[in-house]
Protein backbone atom coordinates (compact mmCIF):
# COMPACT_ATOMS: atom_id res chain seq x y z
CA MET A 1 11.85 -7.87 110.51
CA SER A 2 10.13 -5.65 113.10
CA LEU A 3 11.94 -4.67 116.24
CA LEU A 4 8.88 -3.46 118.31
CA PHE A 5 6.88 -6.21 119.68
CA GLY A 6 5.60 -5.18 123.05
CA LYS A 7 6.19 -3.83 126.76
CA LYS A 8 9.71 -5.54 127.08
CA GLU A 9 10.92 -4.26 123.93
CA ASN A 10 10.04 -0.60 124.70
CA GLU A 11 11.70 -0.89 128.05
CA VAL A 12 14.81 -1.95 126.24
CA ILE A 13 14.54 0.85 123.76
CA ASN A 14 14.20 3.43 126.64
CA LEU A 15 17.17 1.99 128.33
CA PHE A 16 19.12 2.28 124.99
CA ARG A 17 18.33 5.84 125.00
CA ASP A 18 19.21 6.30 128.78
CA HIS A 19 22.66 4.52 127.71
CA LEU A 20 23.22 6.85 124.62
CA ASN A 21 22.85 9.91 126.87
CA MET A 22 24.97 8.48 129.47
CA VAL A 23 27.72 7.34 127.10
CA GLY A 24 27.44 11.12 125.71
CA GLN A 25 27.99 12.47 129.06
CA VAL A 26 31.22 10.27 129.15
CA ILE A 27 32.42 11.85 125.97
CA ASP A 28 31.60 15.46 127.05
CA GLU A 29 33.21 15.16 130.31
CA THR A 30 36.51 13.77 128.78
CA PHE A 31 36.35 16.64 126.39
CA LYS A 32 36.84 19.15 129.43
CA ILE A 33 40.02 17.49 130.02
CA ILE A 34 41.33 18.03 126.51
CA LYS A 35 40.55 21.63 126.77
CA LEU A 36 42.13 22.49 130.12
CA SER A 37 45.31 24.47 130.13
CA CYS A 38 48.44 22.84 131.41
CA ASP A 39 48.25 24.33 134.89
CA GLU A 40 44.58 23.11 135.55
CA ASP A 41 43.95 19.80 137.58
CA CYS A 42 41.83 17.35 136.06
CA THR A 43 41.19 15.06 139.02
CA ASP A 44 37.57 15.98 139.74
CA ILE A 45 36.55 15.66 136.03
CA VAL A 46 38.35 12.23 135.90
CA LYS A 47 36.38 11.00 138.82
CA THR A 48 33.00 12.07 137.15
CA VAL A 49 34.15 10.42 133.87
CA ARG A 50 34.68 7.11 135.78
CA GLN A 51 31.33 7.55 137.72
CA LYS A 52 29.31 8.23 134.48
CA GLU A 53 31.07 5.30 132.71
CA SER A 54 30.08 3.07 135.53
CA GLU A 55 26.54 4.28 135.35
CA ALA A 56 26.47 3.47 131.50
CA ASP A 57 27.65 0.22 132.18
CA SER A 58 24.95 -0.50 134.71
CA ILE A 59 22.17 0.74 132.23
CA ARG A 60 23.78 -1.82 129.46
CA ARG A 61 23.49 -4.50 132.25
CA ASN A 62 19.98 -3.79 132.69
CA ALA A 63 19.13 -3.67 128.97
CA GLU A 64 20.88 -7.01 128.28
CA THR A 65 19.07 -8.60 131.24
CA LEU A 66 15.79 -7.69 129.81
CA MET A 67 16.77 -8.83 126.51
CA TYR A 68 18.02 -12.33 128.03
CA SER A 69 14.59 -12.72 129.71
CA GLY A 70 12.79 -12.39 126.27
CA ALA A 71 12.81 -8.99 124.70
CA PHE A 72 12.85 -9.17 120.88
CA LEU A 73 12.77 -12.29 119.03
CA ALA A 74 15.63 -14.90 118.95
CA GLN A 75 16.97 -13.87 115.54
CA SER A 76 17.27 -10.21 116.46
CA ARG A 77 18.30 -10.37 119.97
CA GLY A 78 21.83 -11.07 119.32
CA ASP A 79 22.25 -8.18 116.88
CA MET A 80 20.57 -5.82 119.72
CA LEU A 81 23.01 -7.22 122.54
CA GLY A 82 25.85 -6.63 120.23
CA LEU A 83 24.70 -3.29 119.26
CA ILE A 84 24.52 -2.03 122.90
CA GLU A 85 27.78 -3.74 123.75
CA ALA A 86 29.61 -1.73 120.89
CA VAL A 87 28.02 1.62 121.98
CA ASP A 88 29.36 0.85 125.51
CA LYS A 89 32.85 0.49 124.05
CA VAL A 90 32.84 4.07 122.96
CA ALA A 91 32.31 5.13 126.65
CA ASN A 92 35.13 2.77 127.68
CA LYS A 93 37.43 4.53 124.93
CA ALA A 94 36.64 8.12 126.19
CA GLU A 95 37.28 6.95 129.90
CA THR A 96 40.79 5.52 128.42
CA VAL A 97 41.66 8.96 127.02
CA ALA A 98 40.90 10.57 130.51
CA ASP A 99 43.04 7.91 132.14
CA VAL A 100 45.97 8.40 129.45
CA ILE A 101 46.06 12.17 130.59
CA TYR A 102 45.46 11.91 134.33
CA LEU A 103 47.69 8.78 135.32
CA GLN A 104 50.50 9.84 133.10
CA ASN A 105 50.24 13.40 134.22
CA LEU A 106 50.23 14.26 130.48
CA LYS A 107 50.37 18.08 129.54
CA ILE A 108 49.22 19.03 125.98
CA PRO A 109 51.41 21.68 124.55
CA ASP A 110 49.54 24.78 123.91
CA SER A 111 50.71 24.87 120.19
CA LEU A 112 49.01 21.52 119.77
CA ARG A 113 45.98 22.14 121.80
CA ASP A 114 43.64 23.24 119.30
CA LYS A 115 44.44 20.46 116.88
CA TYR A 116 43.75 17.86 119.76
CA ILE A 117 40.39 19.60 120.31
CA LYS A 118 39.65 19.49 116.62
CA GLU A 119 40.36 15.73 116.57
CA TYR A 120 38.29 15.20 119.65
CA GLU A 121 35.49 17.19 118.17
CA CYS A 122 35.24 14.76 115.34
CA SER A 123 35.01 11.92 117.79
CA VAL A 124 32.18 13.83 119.40
CA GLU A 125 30.27 14.37 116.05
CA SER A 126 30.58 10.76 115.19
CA PHE A 127 29.13 9.82 118.39
CA LYS A 128 26.28 12.23 118.12
CA ALA A 129 25.90 10.57 114.69
CA LEU A 130 25.60 7.26 115.99
CA ALA A 131 23.15 8.15 118.79
CA THR A 132 20.92 9.40 116.00
CA ALA A 133 21.50 6.27 114.01
CA VAL A 134 20.39 4.28 116.84
CA GLU A 135 17.30 5.96 117.98
CA ASN A 136 16.24 6.11 114.47
CA LEU A 137 16.66 2.59 114.13
CA PHE A 138 13.63 2.17 116.04
CA GLU A 139 11.52 4.79 114.29
CA ASN A 140 12.77 5.99 110.72
CA ILE A 141 15.29 3.52 109.08
CA ASP A 142 16.16 6.14 106.19
CA LYS A 143 17.36 8.73 109.10
CA SER A 144 19.27 5.61 110.65
CA LYS A 145 20.97 5.05 107.37
CA ASN A 146 22.14 8.72 106.83
CA ALA A 147 23.29 8.93 110.36
CA VAL A 148 25.38 5.81 109.76
CA LEU A 149 27.06 7.59 106.76
CA GLU A 150 27.55 10.77 108.96
CA VAL A 151 29.65 8.60 111.54
CA GLU A 152 31.94 7.33 108.78
CA ARG A 153 32.30 10.82 107.44
CA TRP A 154 33.29 12.20 110.90
CA GLU A 155 35.68 9.17 111.55
CA ASN A 156 37.60 9.89 108.23
CA THR A 157 37.94 13.44 109.15
CA GLY A 158 39.24 12.73 112.43
CA ASP A 159 41.77 10.47 110.93
CA GLY A 160 43.13 13.19 108.66
CA ILE A 161 43.61 15.20 111.75
CA GLU A 162 45.05 12.55 113.64
CA ARG A 163 47.87 11.74 111.03
CA SER A 164 48.60 15.57 110.64
CA LEU A 165 48.93 15.91 114.62
CA ILE A 166 51.19 12.82 115.12
CA LYS A 167 53.40 14.30 112.39
CA GLU A 168 53.65 17.55 114.02
CA VAL A 169 54.14 15.98 117.29
CA PHE A 170 57.60 14.68 116.24
CA THR A 171 58.64 17.98 114.88
CA LEU A 172 58.59 19.15 118.54
CA ASN A 173 61.71 20.02 120.45
CA ILE A 174 60.74 17.87 123.51
CA GLU A 175 62.06 14.34 124.87
CA LEU A 176 61.07 11.32 122.99
CA ALA A 177 59.00 9.85 125.79
CA ARG A 178 56.85 12.80 125.71
CA LYS A 179 56.41 12.56 122.02
CA ILE A 180 55.14 8.93 122.29
CA GLN A 181 52.82 9.94 125.13
CA LEU A 182 51.17 12.61 122.77
CA ARG A 183 51.13 10.28 119.87
CA GLU A 184 49.40 7.76 122.00
CA LEU A 185 46.77 10.35 123.05
CA ALA A 186 46.00 11.14 119.57
CA LEU A 187 45.64 7.56 118.55
CA GLN A 188 43.17 7.03 121.70
CA ILE A 189 41.12 10.01 120.74
CA GLY A 190 40.74 8.78 117.32
CA ASP A 191 39.76 5.35 118.58
CA ILE A 192 36.64 7.02 119.94
CA ALA A 193 35.41 7.49 116.46
CA ASP A 194 36.44 4.20 115.46
CA ARG A 195 34.44 2.60 118.14
CA ALA A 196 31.57 4.58 116.98
CA GLU A 197 32.18 3.42 113.44
CA ASP A 198 32.32 -0.14 114.63
CA ALA A 199 28.83 0.46 116.24
CA SER A 200 27.46 1.99 113.23
CA ASP A 201 28.63 -1.03 111.30
CA ARG A 202 26.18 -3.27 113.68
CA ILE A 203 23.47 -0.90 112.64
CA GLU A 204 23.81 -1.53 108.86
CA ILE A 205 23.65 -5.17 109.41
CA ILE A 206 20.57 -4.76 111.39
CA ILE A 207 18.76 -2.74 108.87
CA LEU A 208 19.95 -5.18 105.93
CA LYS A 209 18.35 -8.02 107.92
CA MET A 210 15.25 -5.88 108.30
CA SER A 211 14.98 -5.23 104.57
CA ALA A 212 15.88 -8.91 103.53
């Protein structure tokens, strides 16, 4: 099954790339919040995160409109719609991480900041691999397959850091409510990579259909 048929399809592919770029910016902006020290304000960064997530939504809707108007054959259109929606959920989860910190005025203890950064880095790398998988789905299937495996590898690495981080959180001499907040933050960061893996699963299905 070929994914390229004409002008509309190429327009959608360009929108996929624009969408990936914007989702990547949402993830990167949220990462800035994780790196802030306890006495730094994240209000402006959160506003940027929300703005870029909204822009990602707009690009996704434009791509979906084009697909509903006839881009791609009917048997592949549903897969492509599902893929861009799955990628968009990665941005949604990154925005959730920003909101968890901002709305709860959550301060990451200095003793744990490096671990939160390392966990978030795994989510960043999982998304980068996902972006490579999506881009090469239209150009180089083998590279797309390899990138899908990279998404899974980074997600698994992040899971290990998440478990270690949560365990360490509950050894701290702080109030239980704050421990629960910090645990939630670790889980939400891990969910970014989980969402990336969900999207990469969709790519695997598309590749299997193309090979059938």
